[in-house]
C-alpha atoms as a PDB file:
ATOM      1  CA  MET A   1       6.503   8.172  21.032  1.00  0.00           C
ATOM      2  CA  ILE A   2       7.297   5.562  18.358  1.00  0.00           C
ATOM      3  CA  ASN A   3       4.859   3.117  19.910  1.00  0.00           C
ATOM      4  CA  LYS A   4       2.053   5.700  19.605  1.00  0.00           C
ATOM      5  CA  LEU A   5       3.069   6.500  16.033  1.00  0.00           C
ATOM      6  CA  CYS A   6       3.017   2.796  15.140  1.00  0.00           C
ATOM      7  CA  ASP A   7      -0.452   2.439  16.668  1.00  0.00           C
ATOM      8  CA  SER A   8      -1.675   5.482  14.780  1.00  0.00           C
ATOM      9  CA  LEU A   9      -0.297   4.283  11.435  1.00  0.00           C
ATOM     10  CA  LEU A  10      -1.654   0.764  11.964  1.00  0.00           C
ATOM     11  CA  GLY A  11      -5.061   2.245  12.750  1.00  0.00           C
ATOM     12  CA  GLU A  12      -5.079   4.223   9.504  1.00  0.00           C
ATOM     13  CA  LEU A  13      -4.477   1.242   7.228  1.00  0.00           C
ATOM     14  CA  PRO A  14      -7.555  -0.534   5.905  1.00  0.00           C
ATOM     15  CA  PRO A  15      -7.771  -4.323   5.633  1.00  0.00           C
ATOM     16  CA  GLN A  16      -6.165  -6.004   2.661  1.00  0.00           C
ATOM     17  CA  PHE A  17      -8.080  -6.242  -0.596  1.00  0.00           C
ATOM     18  CA  ASP A  18      -9.844  -9.537  -1.283  1.00  0.00           C
ATOM     19  CA  ILE A  19      -8.179 -10.436  -4.586  1.00  0.00           C
ATOM     20  CA  LYS A  20     -10.310 -13.538  -5.147  1.00  0.00           C
ATOM     21  CA  GLU A  21     -13.501 -11.533  -4.765  1.00  0.00           C
ATOM     22  CA  ALA A  22     -12.202  -8.886  -7.174  1.00  0.00           C
ATOM     23  CA  GLU A  23     -11.219 -11.572  -9.721  1.00  0.00           C
ATOM     24  CA  GLU A  24     -14.707 -13.056  -9.534  1.00  0.00           C
ATOM     25  CA  LYS A  25     -16.382  -9.670  -9.877  1.00  0.00           C
ATOM     26  CA  TYR A  26     -13.981  -8.497 -12.621  1.00  0.00           C
ATOM     27  CA  PRO A  27     -12.879 -11.613 -14.547  1.00  0.00           C
ATOM     28  CA  ILE A  28     -10.108 -11.577 -17.128  1.00  0.00           C
ATOM     29  CA  SER A  29     -11.727 -10.551 -20.372  1.00  0.00           C
ATOM     30  CA  TYR A  30     -10.511  -9.533 -23.800  1.00  0.00           C
ATOM     31  CA  GLU A  31     -13.252  -6.913 -23.901  1.00  0.00           C
ATOM     32  CA  GLN A  32     -12.219  -5.359 -20.576  1.00  0.00           C
ATOM     33  CA  SER A  33      -8.464  -5.489 -20.076  1.00  0.00           C
ATOM     34  CA  MET A  34      -8.674  -3.077 -17.127  1.00  0.00           C
ATOM     35  CA  ASN A  35      -9.901  -5.998 -15.011  1.00  0.00           C
ATOM     36  CA  THR A  36      -6.415  -7.469 -15.171  1.00  0.00           C
ATOM     37  CA  VAL A  37      -4.847  -4.126 -14.311  1.00  0.00           C
ATOM     38  CA  LEU A  38      -7.184  -3.785 -11.331  1.00  0.00           C
ATOM     39  CA  THR A  39      -6.328  -7.145  -9.794  1.00  0.00           C
ATOM     40  CA  GLN A  40      -2.597  -6.599 -10.390  1.00  0.00           C
ATOM     41  CA  GLU A  41      -2.801  -3.214  -8.668  1.00  0.00           C
ATOM     42  CA  LEU A  42      -4.707  -4.681  -5.723  1.00  0.00           C
ATOM     43  CA  SER A  43      -2.047  -7.346  -5.339  1.00  0.00           C
ATOM     44  CA  ARG A  44       0.751  -4.756  -5.366  1.00  0.00           C
ATOM     45  CA  PHE A  45      -1.012  -2.643  -2.757  1.00  0.00           C
ATOM     46  CA  ASN A  46      -1.625  -5.717  -0.595  1.00  0.00           C
ATOM     47  CA  ASN A  47       2.105  -6.492  -0.688  1.00  0.00           C
ATOM     48  CA  LEU A  48       2.968  -2.927   0.314  1.00  0.00           C
ATOM     49  CA  THR A  49       0.445  -2.697   3.151  1.00  0.00           C
ATOM     50  CA  LYS A  50       1.586  -6.084   4.444  1.00  0.00           C
ATOM     51  CA  VAL A  51       5.201  -4.859   4.635  1.00  0.00           C
ATOM     52  CA  ILE A  52       4.067  -1.698   6.428  1.00  0.00           C
ATOM     53  CA  LYS A  53       1.864  -3.563   8.924  1.00  0.00           C
ATOM     54  CA  VAL A  54       4.418  -6.276   9.690  1.00  0.00           C
ATOM     55  CA  SER A  55       7.245  -3.764  10.150  1.00  0.00           C
ATOM     56  CA  LEU A  56       5.156  -1.591  12.488  1.00  0.00           C
ATOM     57  CA  GLN A  57       4.051  -4.618  14.522  1.00  0.00           C
ATOM     58  CA  ASP A  58       7.655  -5.848  14.707  1.00  0.00           C
ATOM     59  CA  LEU A  59       8.828  -2.402  15.823  1.00  0.00           C
ATOM     60  CA  LYS A  60       6.287  -2.448  18.633  1.00  0.00           C
ATOM     61  CA  LYS A  61       7.530  -5.894  19.676  1.00  0.00           C
ATOM     62  CA  ALA A  62      11.151  -4.725  19.516  1.00  0.00           C
ATOM     63  CA  ILE A  63      10.367  -1.745  21.734  1.00  0.00           C
ATOM     64  CA  LYS A  64       8.857  -4.149  24.283  1.00  0.00           C
ATOM     65  CA  GLY A  65      11.907  -6.422  23.964  1.00  0.00           C
ATOM     66  CA  GLU A  66       9.942  -9.325  22.509  1.00  0.00           C
ATOM     67  CA  VAL A  67      12.000  -9.506  19.303  1.00  0.00           C
ATOM     68  CA  LEU A  68      15.471  -8.392  18.285  1.00  0.00           C
ATOM     69  CA  LEU A  69      15.870  -4.963  16.763  1.00  0.00           C
ATOM     70  CA  SER A  70      17.319  -5.937  13.375  1.00  0.00           C
ATOM     71  CA  VAL A  71      19.249  -3.494  11.208  1.00  0.00           C
ATOM     72  CA  ASP A  72      16.177  -3.027   8.983  1.00  0.00           C
ATOM     73  CA  LEU A  73      13.947  -2.338  11.988  1.00  0.00           C
ATOM     74  CA  GLU A  74      16.472   0.072  13.457  1.00  0.00           C
ATOM     75  CA  ASN A  75      16.624   1.937  10.144  1.00  0.00           C
ATOM     76  CA  ALA A  76      12.812   2.019  10.068  1.00  0.00           C
ATOM     77  CA  LEU A  77      12.754   3.304  13.646  1.00  0.00           C
ATOM     78  CA  ASN A  78      15.183   6.102  12.787  1.00  0.00           C
ATOM     79  CA  SER A  79      13.202   7.006   9.669  1.00  0.00           C
ATOM     80  CA  LEU A  80       9.951   7.188  11.624  1.00  0.00           C
ATOM     81  CA  LYS A  81      11.625   9.380  14.281  1.00  0.00           C
ATOM     82  CA  ASP A  82      12.709  11.735  11.471  1.00  0.00           C
ATOM     83  CA  GLY A  83       9.268  11.746   9.823  1.00  0.00           C
ATOM     84  CA  ALA A  84      10.607   9.895   6.791  1.00  0.00           C
ATOM     85  CA  VAL A  85       9.294   6.819   5.007  1.00  0.00           C
ATOM     86  CA  PRO A  86      11.351   3.742   5.957  1.00  0.00           C
ATOM     87  CA  GLU A  87      13.474   2.266   3.190  1.00  0.00           C
ATOM     88  CA  MET A  88      11.896  -1.163   3.727  1.00  0.00           C
ATOM     89  CA  TRP A  89       8.571   0.417   2.659  1.00  0.00           C
ATOM     90  CA  ILE A  90      10.018   2.373  -0.252  1.00  0.00           C
ATOM     91  CA  SER A  91      11.628  -0.783  -1.652  1.00  0.00           C
ATOM     92  CA  LYS A  92       8.120  -2.302  -2.032  1.00  0.00           C
ATOM     93  CA  SER A  93       6.341   0.942  -2.889  1.00  0.00           C
ATOM     94  CA  TYR A  94       5.293   3.037  -5.834  1.00  0.00           C
ATOM     95  CA  PRO A  95       7.686   5.942  -6.491  1.00  0.00           C
ATOM     96  CA  SER A  96       7.324   8.713  -3.911  1.00  0.00           C
ATOM     97  CA  LEU A  97       9.513  11.452  -2.503  1.00  0.00           C
ATOM     98  CA  LYS A  98       7.024  12.491   0.184  1.00  0.00           C
ATOM     99  CA  LYS A  99       7.706  12.618   3.896  1.00  0.00           C
ATOM    100  CA  LEU A 100       5.895  10.152   6.156  1.00  0.00           C
ATOM    101  CA  GLY A 101       2.702  12.178   6.693  1.00  0.00           C
ATOM    102  CA  GLY A 102       2.243  12.999   3.017  1.00  0.00           C
ATOM    103  CA  TYR A 103       3.092   9.463   2.010  1.00  0.00           C
ATOM    104  CA  MET A 104       0.482   7.961   4.332  1.00  0.00           C
ATOM    105  CA  GLU A 105      -2.195  10.415   3.160  1.00  0.00           C
ATOM    106  CA  ASP A 106      -1.378   9.575  -0.451  1.00  0.00           C
ATOM    107  CA  LEU A 107      -1.420   5.828   0.270  1.00  0.00           C
ATOM    108  CA  LYS A 108      -4.807   6.067   2.013  1.00  0.00           C
ATOM    109  CA  ALA A 109      -6.239   8.042  -0.941  1.00  0.00           C
ATOM    110  CA  ARG A 110      -4.963   5.447  -3.394  1.00  0.00           C
ATOM    111  CA  LEU A 111      -6.359   2.566  -1.340  1.00  0.00           C
ATOM    112  CA  GLN A 112      -9.728   4.333  -1.018  1.00  0.00           C
ATOM    113  CA  TRP A 113      -9.870   4.960  -4.774  1.00  0.00           C
ATOM    114  CA  PHE A 114      -9.247   1.291  -5.579  1.00  0.00           C
ATOM    115  CA  ASP A 115     -11.705   0.197  -2.888  1.00  0.00           C
ATOM    116  CA  GLU A 116     -14.395   2.331  -4.547  1.00  0.00           C
ATOM    117  CA  TRP A 117     -13.499   0.795  -7.912  1.00  0.00           C
ATOM    118  CA  VAL A 118     -13.928  -2.714  -6.512  1.00  0.00           C
ATOM    119  CA  LYS A 119     -17.237  -1.889  -4.817  1.00  0.00           C
ATOM    120  CA  GLU A 120     -18.836   0.433  -7.377  1.00  0.00           C
ATOM    121  CA  GLY A 121     -17.269  -0.533 -10.701  1.00  0.00           C
ATOM    122  CA  MET A 122     -14.662   1.060 -12.915  1.00  0.00           C
ATOM    123  CA  PRO A 123     -14.597   4.833 -12.443  1.00  0.00           C
ATOM    124  CA  ALA A 124     -15.555   7.116 -15.321  1.00  0.00           C
ATOM    125  CA  TYR A 125     -12.145   8.794 -15.058  1.00  0.00           C
ATOM    126  CA  LEU A 126      -8.919   6.949 -14.295  1.00  0.00           C
ATOM    127  CA  TRP A 127      -6.327   8.845 -12.265  1.00  0.00           C
ATOM    128  CA  ILE A 128      -2.952   7.760 -13.568  1.00  0.00           C
ATOM    129  CA  THR A 129      -1.324   9.088 -10.394  1.00  0.00           C
ATOM    130  CA  ARG A 130      -3.290   6.572  -8.295  1.00  0.00           C
ATOM    131  CA  PHE A 131      -1.766   3.555 -10.013  1.00  0.00           C
ATOM    132  CA  PHE A 132       1.091   1.681  -8.374  1.00  0.00           C
ATOM    133  CA  PHE A 133       2.563   0.551 -11.686  1.00  0.00           C
ATOM    134  CA  THR A 134       1.595   3.173 -14.268  1.00  0.00           C
ATOM    135  CA  GLN A 135       3.348   1.310 -17.095  1.00  0.00           C
ATOM    136  CA  GLY A 136       0.845  -1.537 -16.706  1.00  0.00           C
ATOM    137  CA  PHE A 137      -2.001   0.913 -17.127  1.00  0.00           C
ATOM    138  CA  LEU A 138      -0.378   2.678 -20.074  1.00  0.00           C
ATOM    139  CA  THR A 139       0.253  -0.529 -22.037  1.00  0.00           C
ATOM    140  CA  VAL A 140      -3.330  -1.833 -21.794  1.00  0.00           C
ATOM    141  CA  GLN A 141      -4.944  -2.276 -25.191  1.00  0.00           C
ATOM    142  CA  LYS A 142      -8.608  -1.469 -25.424  1.00  0.00           C
END
């Protein structure tokens, strides 16, 4: 059951953002300070998705007996069985009180929103709830 859940969650996560490409497309500029916010957000989301992917891959290996089931992995396993977000994810995440399903849907929506920003340019409306670190957005001077 956990193996299938890990596969499903891994399949839902998109590839990491290409920070270098985003920095080239949206260079640091006094006239457009949101470029800095964008690349910082992409970096934070990359860190989070990396933790999620590595932990799920390690859980799959632990189930097969290829690696030891550490305390952190065991806690993650128990959280996933209960439909909760593992603490190792929350420690690297934006604030959220959602259960696993809601958390993953929210994460995918956030990642999609930033992906569209990178591909199509800054959106006309900025959703403050999509930002990982809202204080960074709120302190930008324009």
